[in-house]
Amino acid sequence: MLLLLTDGLPEQKNIAAEMFDYARVHQALQQVGAGTPENIIAHLAKAGEAWMSGAIQDDDITMMVIKRKEESHT
């Protein structure tokens, strides 16, 4: 799996002006990494929104997930 993202998600700030940061992105990704690309993106977006706790988003957020399909050897 490959996750490509702009700095909008990790630099998202909560009402205390604390950034979400790359460590939290990594933690959120570990929670859902086995899912579909759509589920992974939705989960990361929700984690960022929850972190903001009502703060206004001030940067764009772009994410792309690429997963390799596993081959069946039957």
C-alpha atoms as a PDB file:
ATOM      1  CA  MET A   1       0.000   0.000   0.000  1.00  0.00           C
ATOM      2  CA  LEU A   2       1.123   3.513  -0.766  1.00  0.00           C
ATOM      3  CA  LEU A   3      -0.394   6.592   0.882  1.00  0.00           C
ATOM      4  CA  LEU A   4       0.246   9.935  -0.785  1.00  0.00           C
ATOM      5  CA  LEU A   5      -0.958  13.034   1.004  1.00  0.00           C
ATOM      6  CA  THR A   6      -0.410  16.751   1.160  1.00  0.00           C
ATOM      7  CA  ASP A   7       0.573  18.472   4.396  1.00  0.00           C
ATOM      8  CA  GLY A   8      -3.034  19.531   5.010  1.00  0.00           C
ATOM      9  CA  LEU A   9      -3.923  16.552   7.218  1.00  0.00           C
ATOM     10  CA  PRO A  10      -0.799  16.386   9.410  1.00  0.00           C
ATOM     11  CA  GLU A  11      -0.769  20.185   9.799  1.00  0.00           C
ATOM     12  CA  GLN A  12      -4.459  20.345  10.740  1.00  0.00           C
ATOM     13  CA  LYS A  13      -4.798  22.171  14.057  1.00  0.00           C
ATOM     14  CA  ASN A  14      -7.236  21.652  16.894  1.00  0.00           C
ATOM     15  CA  ILE A  15      -8.740  24.446  18.991  1.00  0.00           C
ATOM     16  CA  ALA A  16      -5.565  24.476  21.144  1.00  0.00           C
ATOM     17  CA  ALA A  17      -3.501  25.115  17.952  1.00  0.00           C
ATOM     18  CA  GLU A  18      -1.835  21.671  18.213  1.00  0.00           C
ATOM     19  CA  MET A  19      -1.077  19.946  14.914  1.00  0.00           C
ATOM     20  CA  PHE A  20      -2.426  16.496  14.075  1.00  0.00           C
ATOM     21  CA  ASP A  21       1.125  15.594  12.899  1.00  0.00           C
ATOM     22  CA  TYR A  22       2.531  12.643  10.985  1.00  0.00           C
ATOM     23  CA  ALA A  23       2.649  10.341  14.031  1.00  0.00           C
ATOM     24  CA  ARG A  24      -1.138  10.552  14.378  1.00  0.00           C
ATOM     25  CA  VAL A  25      -1.548  10.000  10.632  1.00  0.00           C
ATOM     26  CA  HIS A  26       0.562   6.856  11.020  1.00  0.00           C
ATOM     27  CA  GLN A  27      -1.492   5.664  14.013  1.00  0.00           C
ATOM     28  CA  ALA A  28      -4.760   6.212  12.161  1.00  0.00           C
ATOM     29  CA  LEU A  29      -3.375   4.419   9.106  1.00  0.00           C
ATOM     30  CA  GLN A  30      -2.379   1.399  11.199  1.00  0.00           C
ATOM     31  CA  GLN A  31      -5.967   1.122  12.469  1.00  0.00           C
ATOM     32  CA  VAL A  32      -7.417   0.743   8.966  1.00  0.00           C
ATOM     33  CA  GLY A  33      -4.513  -0.156   6.669  1.00  0.00           C
ATOM     34  CA  ALA A  34      -6.019  -3.496   5.669  1.00  0.00           C
ATOM     35  CA  GLY A  35      -9.166  -1.807   4.353  1.00  0.00           C
ATOM     36  CA  THR A  36     -10.030  -0.584   0.894  1.00  0.00           C
ATOM     37  CA  PRO A  37      -8.485   2.665  -0.358  1.00  0.00           C
ATOM     38  CA  GLU A  38     -11.886   4.357   0.072  1.00  0.00           C
ATOM     39  CA  ASN A  39     -12.142   3.179   3.693  1.00  0.00           C
ATOM     40  CA  ILE A  40      -8.604   4.280   4.466  1.00  0.00           C
ATOM     41  CA  ILE A  41      -9.196   7.793   3.118  1.00  0.00           C
ATOM     42  CA  ALA A  42     -12.543   8.082   4.918  1.00  0.00           C
ATOM     43  CA  HIS A  43     -10.962   6.945   8.200  1.00  0.00           C
ATOM     44  CA  LEU A  44      -8.084   9.419   7.921  1.00  0.00           C
ATOM     45  CA  ALA A  45     -10.478  12.260   7.079  1.00  0.00           C
ATOM     46  CA  LYS A  46     -12.679  11.414  10.078  1.00  0.00           C
ATOM     47  CA  ALA A  47      -9.652  11.211  12.379  1.00  0.00           C
ATOM     48  CA  GLY A  48      -8.571  14.675  11.232  1.00  0.00           C
ATOM     49  CA  GLU A  49     -12.062  16.100  11.706  1.00  0.00           C
ATOM     50  CA  ALA A  50     -12.280  14.620  15.203  1.00  0.00           C
ATOM     51  CA  TRP A  51      -8.885  16.134  16.028  1.00  0.00           C
ATOM     52  CA  MET A  52     -10.022  19.597  14.944  1.00  0.00           C
ATOM     53  CA  SER A  53     -12.832  19.593  17.562  1.00  0.00           C
ATOM     54  CA  GLY A  54     -14.651  22.409  15.807  1.00  0.00           C
ATOM     55  CA  ALA A  55     -11.597  24.371  14.657  1.00  0.00           C
ATOM     56  CA  ILE A  56     -11.797  25.738  11.122  1.00  0.00           C
ATOM     57  CA  GLN A  57      -9.844  23.879   8.440  1.00  0.00           C
ATOM     58  CA  ASP A  58      -7.390  26.348   6.927  1.00  0.00           C
ATOM     59  CA  ASP A  59      -5.581  24.196   4.350  1.00  0.00           C
ATOM     60  CA  ASP A  60      -6.586  21.841   1.578  1.00  0.00           C
ATOM     61  CA  ILE A  61      -6.275  18.103   2.166  1.00  0.00           C
ATOM     62  CA  THR A  62      -5.475  15.709  -0.653  1.00  0.00           C
ATOM     63  CA  MET A  63      -4.979  11.964  -0.187  1.00  0.00           C
ATOM     64  CA  MET A  64      -4.433   9.063  -2.546  1.00  0.00           C
ATOM     65  CA  VAL A  65      -4.146   5.408  -1.570  1.00  0.00           C
ATOM     66  CA  ILE A  66      -2.709   2.819  -3.939  1.00  0.00           C
ATOM     67  CA  LYS A  67      -2.953  -0.845  -3.019  1.00  0.00           C
ATOM     68  CA  ARG A  68      -1.609  -3.821  -4.874  1.00  0.00           C
ATOM     69  CA  LYS A  69      -4.092  -6.563  -5.416  1.00  0.00           C
ATOM     70  CA  GLU A  70      -2.926  -9.875  -3.992  1.00  0.00           C
ATOM     71  CA  GLU A  71      -2.693 -12.699  -6.509  1.00  0.00           C
ATOM     72  CA  SER A  72      -4.336 -16.003  -5.804  1.00  0.00           C
ATOM     73  CA  HIS A  73      -2.081 -19.042  -6.332  1.00  0.00           C
ATOM     74  CA  THR A  74      -4.687 -21.771  -6.644  1.00  0.00           C
END
